[in-house]
PDB file of N, CA and C in Angstrom:
ATOM      1  N   UNK A   1      16.432  43.847  67.762  1.00  0.00           N
ATOM      2  CA  UNK A   1      16.690  42.988  68.905  1.00  0.00           C
ATOM      3  C   UNK A   1      16.233  41.581  68.583  1.00  0.00           C
ATOM      4  N   UNK A   2      17.129  40.654  68.624  1.00  0.00           N
ATOM      5  CA  UNK A   2      16.798  39.257  68.402  1.00  0.00           C
ATOM      6  C   UNK A   2      16.837  38.487  69.702  1.00  0.00           C
ATOM      7  N   UNK A   3      16.458  37.237  69.626  1.00  0.00           N
ATOM      8  CA  UNK A   3      16.487  36.365  70.789  1.00  0.00           C
ATOM      9  C   UNK A   3      16.964  34.996  70.332  1.00  0.00           C
ATOM     10  N   UNK A   4      17.754  34.339  71.166  1.00  0.00           N
ATOM     11  CA  UNK A   4      18.275  33.011  70.845  1.00  0.00           C
ATOM     12  C   UNK A   4      17.653  32.007  71.809  1.00  0.00           C
ATOM     13  N   UNK A   5      17.091  30.957  71.243  1.00  0.00           N
ATOM     14  CA  UNK A   5      16.503  29.873  72.029  1.00  0.00           C
ATOM     15  C   UNK A   5      17.108  28.568  71.540  1.00  0.00           C
ATOM     16  N   UNK A   6      17.782  27.875  72.429  1.00  0.00           N
ATOM     17  CA  UNK A   6      18.384  26.574  72.123  1.00  0.00           C
ATOM     18  C   UNK A   6      19.220  26.622  70.841  1.00  0.00           C
ATOM     19  N   UNK A   7      19.990  27.692  70.687  1.00  0.00           N
ATOM     20  CA  UNK A   7      20.869  27.834  69.529  1.00  0.00           C
ATOM     21  C   UNK A   7      20.195  28.364  68.274  1.00  0.00           C
ATOM     22  N   UNK A   8      18.914  28.618  68.319  1.00  0.00           N
ATOM     23  CA  UNK A   8      18.175  29.156  67.175  1.00  0.00           C
ATOM     24  C   UNK A   8      17.993  30.656  67.370  1.00  0.00           C
ATOM     25  N   UNK A   9      18.434  31.436  66.388  1.00  0.00           N
ATOM     26  CA  UNK A   9      18.354  32.892  66.474  1.00  0.00           C
ATOM     27  C   UNK A   9      17.106  33.396  65.747  1.00  0.00           C
ATOM     28  N   UNK A  10      16.256  34.100  66.486  1.00  0.00           N
ATOM     29  CA  UNK A  10      15.036  34.661  65.939  1.00  0.00           C
ATOM     30  C   UNK A  10      15.188  36.174  65.879  1.00  0.00           C
ATOM     31  N   UNK A  11      15.233  36.707  64.670  1.00  0.00           N
ATOM     32  CA  UNK A  11      15.432  38.148  64.517  1.00  0.00           C
ATOM     33  C   UNK A  11      14.116  38.911  64.412  1.00  0.00           C
ATOM     34  N   UNK A  12      13.034  38.222  64.148  1.00  0.00           N
ATOM     35  CA  UNK A  12      11.720  38.863  64.049  1.00  0.00           C
ATOM     36  C   UNK A  12      10.851  38.389  65.209  1.00  0.00           C
ATOM     37  N   UNK A  13      10.149  39.336  65.825  1.00  0.00           N
ATOM     38  CA  UNK A  13       9.270  38.973  66.932  1.00  0.00           C
ATOM     39  C   UNK A  13       8.105  39.942  67.008  1.00  0.00           C
ATOM     40  N   UNK A  14       7.006  39.422  67.512  1.00  0.00           N
ATOM     41  CA  UNK A  14       5.815  40.241  67.759  1.00  0.00           C
ATOM     42  C   UNK A  14       5.141  39.670  68.995  1.00  0.00           C
ATOM     43  N   UNK A  15       4.895  40.517  69.977  1.00  0.00           N
ATOM     44  CA  UNK A  15       4.193  40.095  71.183  1.00  0.00           C
ATOM     45  C   UNK A  15       2.780  40.658  71.160  1.00  0.00           C
ATOM     46  N   UNK A  16       1.794  39.792  71.333  1.00  0.00           N
ATOM     47  CA  UNK A  16       0.389  40.184  71.423  1.00  0.00           C
ATOM     48  C   UNK A  16      -0.002  40.164  72.901  1.00  0.00           C
ATOM     49  N   UNK A  17      -0.066  41.336  73.536  1.00  0.00           N
ATOM     50  CA  UNK A  17      -0.361  41.359  74.968  1.00  0.00           C
ATOM     51  C   UNK A  17      -1.783  40.907  75.314  1.00  0.00           C
ATOM     52  N   UNK A  18      -2.734  41.116  74.419  1.00  0.00           N
ATOM     53  CA  UNK A  18      -4.115  40.694  74.710  1.00  0.00           C
ATOM     54  C   UNK A  18      -4.223  39.182  74.816  1.00  0.00           C
ATOM     55  N   UNK A  19      -3.529  38.471  73.933  1.00  0.00           N
ATOM     56  CA  UNK A  19      -3.559  37.010  73.960  1.00  0.00           C
ATOM     57  C   UNK A  19      -2.399  36.404  74.732  1.00  0.00           C
ATOM     58  N   UNK A  20      -1.433  37.251  75.152  1.00  0.00           N
ATOM     59  CA  UNK A  20      -0.224  36.802  75.833  1.00  0.00           C
ATOM     60  C   UNK A  20       0.512  35.763  74.990  1.00  0.00           C
ATOM     61  N   UNK A  21       0.717  36.125  73.708  1.00  0.00           N
ATOM     62  CA  UNK A  21       1.362  35.240  72.750  1.00  0.00           C
ATOM     63  C   UNK A  21       2.562  35.960  72.133  1.00  0.00           C
ATOM     64  N   UNK A  22       3.688  35.262  72.062  1.00  0.00           N
ATOM     65  CA  UNK A  22       4.900  35.789  71.444  1.00  0.00           C
ATOM     66  C   UNK A  22       5.178  34.997  70.166  1.00  0.00           C
ATOM     67  N   UNK A  23       5.244  35.711  69.042  1.00  0.00           N
ATOM     68  CA  UNK A  23       5.526  35.106  67.742  1.00  0.00           C
ATOM     69  C   UNK A  23       6.982  35.386  67.386  1.00  0.00           C
ATOM     70  N   UNK A  24       7.736  34.360  67.052  1.00  0.00           N
ATOM     71  CA  UNK A  24       9.146  34.488  66.692  1.00  0.00           C
ATOM     72  C   UNK A  24       9.391  33.863  65.331  1.00  0.00           C
ATOM     73  N   UNK A  25      10.278  34.477  64.530  1.00  0.00           N
ATOM     74  CA  UNK A  25      10.660  33.871  63.253  1.00  0.00           C
ATOM     75  C   UNK A  25      12.102  34.236  62.926  1.00  0.00           C
ATOM     76  N   UNK A  26      12.717  33.401  62.102  1.00  0.00           N
ATOM     77  CA  UNK A  26      14.109  33.603  61.703  1.00  0.00           C
ATOM     78  C   UNK A  26      14.185  34.575  60.532  1.00  0.00           C
ATOM     79  N   UNK A  27      15.355  35.129  60.344  1.00  0.00           N
ATOM     80  CA  UNK A  27      15.635  36.041  59.233  1.00  0.00           C
ATOM     81  C   UNK A  27      15.725  35.244  57.931  1.00  0.00           C
ATOM     82  N   UNK A  28      15.133  35.749  56.863  1.00  0.00           N
ATOM     83  CA  UNK A  28      15.348  35.217  55.530  1.00  0.00           C
ATOM     84  C   UNK A  28      14.488  34.057  55.090  1.00  0.00           C
ATOM     85  N   UNK A  29      13.608  33.548  55.919  1.00  0.00           N
ATOM     86  CA  UNK A  29      12.750  32.446  55.484  1.00  0.00           C
ATOM     87  C   UNK A  29      11.420  33.001  55.046  1.00  0.00           C
ATOM     88  N   UNK A  30      10.989  32.608  53.865  1.00  0.00           N
ATOM     89  CA  UNK A  30       9.686  33.041  53.353  1.00  0.00           C
ATOM     90  C   UNK A  30       8.875  31.815  52.963  1.00  0.00           C
ATOM     91  N   UNK A  31       7.600  31.923  53.072  1.00  0.00           N
ATOM     92  CA  UNK A  31       6.722  30.826  52.707  1.00  0.00           C
ATOM     93  C   UNK A  31       6.251  30.066  53.927  1.00  0.00           C
ATOM     94  N   UNK A  32       5.386  29.102  53.698  1.00  0.00           N
ATOM     95  CA  UNK A  32       4.853  28.329  54.817  1.00  0.00           C
ATOM     96  C   UNK A  32       5.887  27.338  55.349  1.00  0.00           C
ATOM     97  N   UNK A  33       5.740  26.924  56.606  1.00  0.00           N
ATOM     98  CA  UNK A  33       6.658  25.917  57.143  1.00  0.00           C
ATOM     99  C   UNK A  33       6.409  24.555  56.500  1.00  0.00           C
ATOM    100  N   UNK A  34       7.442  23.735  56.493  1.00  0.00           N
ATOM    101  CA  UNK A  34       7.292  22.378  55.962  1.00  0.00           C
ATOM    102  C   UNK A  34       6.579  21.479  56.968  1.00  0.00           C
ATOM    103  N   UNK A  35       6.791  21.765  58.265  1.00  0.00           N
ATOM    104  CA  UNK A  35       6.129  20.990  59.310  1.00  0.00           C
ATOM    105  C   UNK A  35       6.060  21.823  60.582  1.00  0.00           C
ATOM    106  N   UNK A  36       5.245  21.358  61.512  1.00  0.00           N
ATOM    107  CA  UNK A  36       5.093  22.055  62.788  1.00  0.00           C
ATOM    108  C   UNK A  36       4.934  21.025  63.896  1.00  0.00           C
ATOM    109  N   UNK A  37       5.300  21.419  65.106  1.00  0.00           N
ATOM    110  CA  UNK A  37       5.252  20.543  66.263  1.00  0.00           C
ATOM    111  C   UNK A  37       4.645  21.315  67.432  1.00  0.00           C
ATOM    112  N   UNK A  38       3.664  20.745  68.081  1.00  0.00           N
ATOM    113  CA  UNK A  38       3.090  21.347  69.283  1.00  0.00           C
ATOM    114  C   UNK A  38       3.785  20.743  70.496  1.00  0.00           C
ATOM    115  N   UNK A  39       4.320  21.590  71.354  1.00  0.00           N
ATOM    116  CA  UNK A  39       5.019  21.105  72.542  1.00  0.00           C
ATOM    117  C   UNK A  39       4.009  20.722  73.623  1.00  0.00           C
ATOM    118  N   UNK A  40       4.431  19.956  74.603  1.00  0.00           N
ATOM    119  CA  UNK A  40       3.527  19.618  75.703  1.00  0.00           C
ATOM    120  C   UNK A  40       3.029  20.851  76.462  1.00  0.00           C
ATOM    121  N   UNK A  41       3.781  21.952  76.423  1.00  0.00           N
ATOM    122  CA  UNK A  41       3.374  23.181  77.098  1.00  0.00           C
ATOM    123  C   UNK A  41       2.361  23.993  76.295  1.00  0.00           C
ATOM    124  N   UNK A  42       2.082  23.580  75.066  1.00  0.00           N
ATOM    125  CA  UNK A  42       1.107  24.276  74.236  1.00  0.00           C
ATOM    126  C   UNK A  42       1.712  25.250  73.240  1.00  0.00           C
ATOM    127  N   UNK A  43       3.043  25.320  73.161  1.00  0.00           N
ATOM    128  CA  UNK A  43       3.703  26.181  72.190  1.00  0.00           C
ATOM    129  C   UNK A  43       3.733  25.477  70.829  1.00  0.00           C
ATOM    130  N   UNK A  44       4.037  26.239  69.786  1.00  0.00           N
ATOM    131  CA  UNK A  44       4.125  25.669  68.443  1.00  0.00           C
ATOM    132  C   UNK A  44       5.501  25.992  67.861  1.00  0.00           C
ATOM    133  N   UNK A  45       6.147  24.987  67.278  1.00  0.00           N
ATOM    134  CA  UNK A  45       7.452  25.157  66.651  1.00  0.00           C
ATOM    135  C   UNK A  45       7.328  24.776  65.185  1.00  0.00           C
ATOM    136  N   UNK A  46       7.807  25.665  64.305  1.00  0.00           N
ATOM    137  CA  UNK A  46       7.728  25.427  62.856  1.00  0.00           C
ATOM    138  C   UNK A  46       9.119  25.135  62.304  1.00  0.00           C
ATOM    139  N   UNK A  47       9.165  24.229  61.318  1.00  0.00           N
ATOM    140  CA  UNK A  47      10.418  23.779  60.719  1.00  0.00           C
ATOM    141  C   UNK A  47      10.394  23.968  59.208  1.00  0.00           C
ATOM    142  N   UNK A  48      11.584  24.159  58.618  1.00  0.00           N
ATOM    143  CA  UNK A  48      11.683  24.183  57.160  1.00  0.00           C
ATOM    144  C   UNK A  48      11.861  22.749  56.656  1.00  0.00           C
ATOM    145  N   UNK A  49      12.019  22.576  55.362  1.00  0.00           N
ATOM    146  CA  UNK A  49      12.127  21.244  54.760  1.00  0.00           C
ATOM    147  C   UNK A  49      13.370  20.492  55.219  1.00  0.00           C
ATOM    148  N   UNK A  50      14.400  21.219  55.677  1.00  0.00           N
ATOM    149  CA  UNK A  50      15.633  20.583  56.150  1.00  0.00           C
ATOM    150  C   UNK A  50      15.611  20.315  57.652  1.00  0.00           C
ATOM    151  N   UNK A  51      14.480  20.587  58.308  1.00  0.00           N
ATOM    152  CA  UNK A  51      14.349  20.323  59.730  1.00  0.00           C
ATOM    153  C   UNK A  51      14.876  21.421  60.639  1.00  0.00           C
ATOM    154  N   UNK A  52      15.207  22.581  60.066  1.00  0.00           N
ATOM    155  CA  UNK A  52      15.665  23.710  60.883  1.00  0.00           C
ATOM    156  C   UNK A  52      14.455  24.447  61.450  1.00  0.00           C
ATOM    157  N   UNK A  53      14.588  24.912  62.667  1.00  0.00           N
ATOM    158  CA  UNK A  53      13.520  25.700  63.297  1.00  0.00           C
ATOM    159  C   UNK A  53      13.468  27.065  62.618  1.00  0.00           C
ATOM    160  N   UNK A  54      12.285  27.439  62.145  1.00  0.00           N
ATOM    161  CA  UNK A  54      12.128  28.738  61.466  1.00  0.00           C
ATOM    162  C   UNK A  54      11.168  29.670  62.193  1.00  0.00           C
ATOM    163  N   UNK A  55      10.391  29.125  63.119  1.00  0.00           N
ATOM    164  CA  UNK A  55       9.450  29.970  63.831  1.00  0.00           C
ATOM    165  C   UNK A  55       8.915  29.294  65.075  1.00  0.00           C
ATOM    166  N   UNK A  56       8.468  30.125  66.009  1.00  0.00           N
ATOM    167  CA  UNK A  56       7.834  29.623  67.227  1.00  0.00           C
ATOM    168  C   UNK A  56       6.671  30.535  67.591  1.00  0.00           C
ATOM    169  N   UNK A  57       5.635  29.925  68.128  1.00  0.00           N
ATOM    170  CA  UNK A  57       4.526  30.646  68.722  1.00  0.00           C
ATOM    171  C   UNK A  57       4.476  30.203  70.175  1.00  0.00           C
ATOM    172  N   UNK A  58       4.770  31.139  71.072  1.00  0.00           N
ATOM    173  CA  UNK A  58       4.841  30.833  72.501  1.00  0.00           C
ATOM    174  C   UNK A  58       3.626  31.437  73.193  1.00  0.00           C
ATOM    175  N   UNK A  59       2.876  30.602  73.906  1.00  0.00           N
ATOM    176  CA  UNK A  59       1.616  31.038  74.516  1.00  0.00           C
ATOM    177  C   UNK A  59       1.754  31.229  76.026  1.00  0.00           C
ATOM    178  N   UNK A  60       0.932  32.119  76.568  1.00  0.00           N
ATOM    179  CA  UNK A  60       0.912  32.409  78.005  1.00  0.00           C
ATOM    180  C   UNK A  60       2.276  32.837  78.524  1.00  0.00           C
ATOM    181  N   UNK A  61       3.002  33.595  77.715  1.00  0.00           N
ATOM    182  CA  UNK A  61       4.384  33.955  78.027  1.00  0.00           C
ATOM    183  C   UNK A  61       4.481  34.745  79.333  1.00  0.00           C
ATOM    184  N   UNK A  62       3.798  35.852  79.414  1.00  0.00           N
ATOM    185  CA  UNK A  62       3.910  36.695  80.613  1.00  0.00           C
ATOM    186  C   UNK A  62       3.342  35.966  81.837  1.00  0.00           C
ATOM    187  N   UNK A  63       2.241  35.270  81.670  1.00  0.00           N
ATOM    188  CA  UNK A  63       1.628  34.527  82.772  1.00  0.00           C
ATOM    189  C   UNK A  63       2.591  33.479  83.320  1.00  0.00           C
ATOM    190  N   UNK A  64       3.233  32.718  82.420  1.00  0.00           N
ATOM    191  CA  UNK A  64       4.188  31.699  82.852  1.00  0.00           C
ATOM    192  C   UNK A  64       5.409  32.319  83.521  1.00  0.00           C
ATOM    193  N   UNK A  65       5.882  33.446  82.977  1.00  0.00           N
ATOM    194  CA  UNK A  65       7.026  34.123  83.595  1.00  0.00           C
ATOM    195  C   UNK A  65       6.665  34.627  84.988  1.00  0.00           C
ATOM    196  N   UNK A  66       5.469  35.174  85.145  1.00  0.00           N
ATOM    197  CA  UNK A  66       5.033  35.644  86.452  1.00  0.00           C
ATOM    198  C   UNK A  66       4.885  34.481  87.437  1.00  0.00           C
ATOM    199  N   UNK A  67       4.371  33.368  86.961  1.00  0.00           N
ATOM    200  CA  UNK A  67       4.122  32.214  87.832  1.00  0.00           C
ATOM    201  C   UNK A  67       5.402  31.459  88.172  1.00  0.00           C
ATOM    202  N   UNK A  68       6.237  31.182  87.120  1.00  0.00           N
ATOM    203  CA  UNK A  68       7.389  30.294  87.290  1.00  0.00           C
ATOM    204  C   UNK A  68       8.739  31.008  87.263  1.00  0.00           C
ATOM    205  N   UNK A  69       8.760  32.230  86.749  1.00  0.00           N
ATOM    206  CA  UNK A  69      10.025  32.940  86.610  1.00  0.00           C
ATOM    207  C   UNK A  69      10.833  32.515  85.410  1.00  0.00           C
ATOM    208  N   UNK A  70      10.287  31.626  84.604  1.00  0.00           N
ATOM    209  CA  UNK A  70      10.953  31.149  83.390  1.00  0.00           C
ATOM    210  C   UNK A  70       9.908  30.578  82.449  1.00  0.00           C
ATOM    211  N   UNK A  71      10.318  30.418  81.200  1.00  0.00           N
ATOM    212  CA  UNK A  71       9.458  29.825  80.177  1.00  0.00           C
ATOM    213  C   UNK A  71      10.127  28.551  79.705  1.00  0.00           C
ATOM    214  N   UNK A  72       9.452  27.433  79.825  1.00  0.00           N
ATOM    215  CA  UNK A  72      10.014  26.145  79.415  1.00  0.00           C
ATOM    216  C   UNK A  72       9.480  25.777  78.041  1.00  0.00           C
ATOM    217  N   UNK A  73      10.398  25.346  77.173  1.00  0.00           N
ATOM    218  CA  UNK A  73      10.051  24.879  75.837  1.00  0.00           C
ATOM    219  C   UNK A  73      10.673  23.499  75.689  1.00  0.00           C
ATOM    220  N   UNK A  74       9.844  22.480  75.528  1.00  0.00           N
ATOM    221  CA  UNK A  74      10.341  21.113  75.516  1.00  0.00           C
ATOM    222  C   UNK A  74      11.190  20.800  74.294  1.00  0.00           C
ATOM    223  N   UNK A  75      10.765  21.205  73.127  1.00  0.00           N
ATOM    224  CA  UNK A  75      11.522  20.872  71.927  1.00  0.00           C
ATOM    225  C   UNK A  75      11.477  22.032  70.964  1.00  0.00           C
ATOM    226  N   UNK A  76      12.589  22.623  70.604  1.00  0.00           N
ATOM    227  CA  UNK A  76      13.913  22.327  71.114  1.00  0.00           C
ATOM    228  C   UNK A  76      14.015  22.776  72.565  1.00  0.00           C
ATOM    229  N   UNK A  77      14.794  22.029  73.326  1.00  0.00           N
ATOM    230  CA  UNK A  77      14.907  22.306  74.754  1.00  0.00           C
ATOM    231  C   UNK A  77      15.420  23.711  74.985  1.00  0.00           C
ATOM    232  N   UNK A  78      14.819  24.391  75.930  1.00  0.00           N
ATOM    233  CA  UNK A  78      15.275  25.727  76.265  1.00  0.00           C
ATOM    234  C   UNK A  78      14.446  26.332  77.365  1.00  0.00           C
ATOM    235  N   UNK A  79      15.063  27.202  78.129  1.00  0.00           N
ATOM    236  CA  UNK A  79      14.362  27.980  79.134  1.00  0.00           C
ATOM    237  C   UNK A  79      14.817  29.414  79.003  1.00  0.00           C
ATOM    238  N   UNK A  80      13.891  30.333  79.199  1.00  0.00           N
ATOM    239  CA  UNK A  80      14.192  31.752  79.092  1.00  0.00           C
ATOM    240  C   UNK A  80      13.816  32.438  80.379  1.00  0.00           C
ATOM    241  N   UNK A  81      14.684  33.315  80.833  1.00  0.00           N
ATOM    242  CA  UNK A  81      14.380  34.079  82.045  1.00  0.00           C
ATOM    243  C   UNK A  81      13.523  35.283  81.684  1.00  0.00           C
ATOM    244  N   UNK A  82      12.934  35.881  82.688  1.00  0.00           N
ATOM    245  CA  UNK A  82      12.135  37.087  82.471  1.00  0.00           C
ATOM    246  C   UNK A  82      13.002  38.193  81.881  1.00  0.00           C
ATOM    247  N   UNK A  83      14.248  38.315  82.326  1.00  0.00           N
ATOM    248  CA  UNK A  83      15.158  39.343  81.805  1.00  0.00           C
ATOM    249  C   UNK A  83      15.455  39.148  80.325  1.00  0.00           C
ATOM    250  N   UNK A  84      15.599  37.903  79.881  1.00  0.00           N
ATOM    251  CA  UNK A  84      15.887  37.624  78.474  1.00  0.00           C
ATOM    252  C   UNK A  84      14.710  37.994  77.581  1.00  0.00           C
ATOM    253  N   UNK A  85      13.491  37.824  78.068  1.00  0.00           N
ATOM    254  CA  UNK A  85      12.300  38.100  77.266  1.00  0.00           C
ATOM    255  C   UNK A  85      11.787  39.523  77.412  1.00  0.00           C
ATOM    256  N   UNK A  86      12.218  40.222  78.432  1.00  0.00           N
ATOM    257  CA  UNK A  86      11.698  41.575  78.697  1.00  0.00           C
ATOM    258  C   UNK A  86      11.759  42.501  77.486  1.00  0.00           C
ATOM    259  N   UNK A  87      12.863  42.570  76.721  1.00  0.00           N
ATOM    260  CA  UNK A  87      12.908  43.507  75.594  1.00  0.00           C
ATOM    261  C   UNK A  87      11.877  43.236  74.502  1.00  0.00           C
ATOM    262  N   UNK A  88      11.532  41.978  74.258  1.00  0.00           N
ATOM    263  CA  UNK A  88      10.584  41.682  73.187  1.00  0.00           C
ATOM    264  C   UNK A  88       9.135  41.694  73.652  1.00  0.00           C
ATOM    265  N   UNK A  89       8.912  41.795  74.974  1.00  0.00           N
ATOM    266  CA  UNK A  89       7.555  41.848  75.499  1.00  0.00           C
ATOM    267  C   UNK A  89       7.085  43.283  75.721  1.00  0.00           C
ATOM    268  N   UNK A  90       7.942  44.231  75.407  1.00  0.00           N
ATOM    269  CA  UNK A  90       7.567  45.638  75.538  1.00  0.00           C
ATOM    270  C   UNK A  90       6.505  45.975  74.496  1.00  0.00           C
ATOM    271  N   UNK A  91       5.449  46.622  74.930  1.00  0.00           N
ATOM    272  CA  UNK A  91       4.407  47.036  74.001  1.00  0.00           C
ATOM    273  C   UNK A  91       4.683  48.479  73.576  1.00  0.00           C
ATOM    274  N   UNK A  92       4.289  48.794  72.383  1.00  0.00           N
ATOM    275  CA  UNK A  92       4.487  50.163  71.877  1.00  0.00           C
ATOM    276  C   UNK A  92       3.635  51.119  72.691  1.00  0.00           C
ATOM    277  N   UNK A  93       4.236  52.229  73.055  1.00  0.00           N
ATOM    278  CA  UNK A  93       3.511  53.220  73.862  1.00  0.00           C
ATOM    279  C   UNK A  93       2.750  54.178  72.980  1.00  0.00           C
TER     280      UNK A  93
END
């Protein structure tokens, strides 16, 4: 199950329920990012050398969804509904 945010497809994801953090990364990229950007909301976006988004670390995901009903990401611009994120926020039973 992948997720698309602002045209970027993330095929790898891991949700840490204790920290309420969602880690996303693209298929096929290995190695460290060339650069990273912290959004005003406190999320982190990682880029490759060509400026493509290769990963995101989204913080307070469930809390923000419960409070606002959506998750706002300033750059790249995007909003996700609770329904869109529900499959990747499932914890292993």
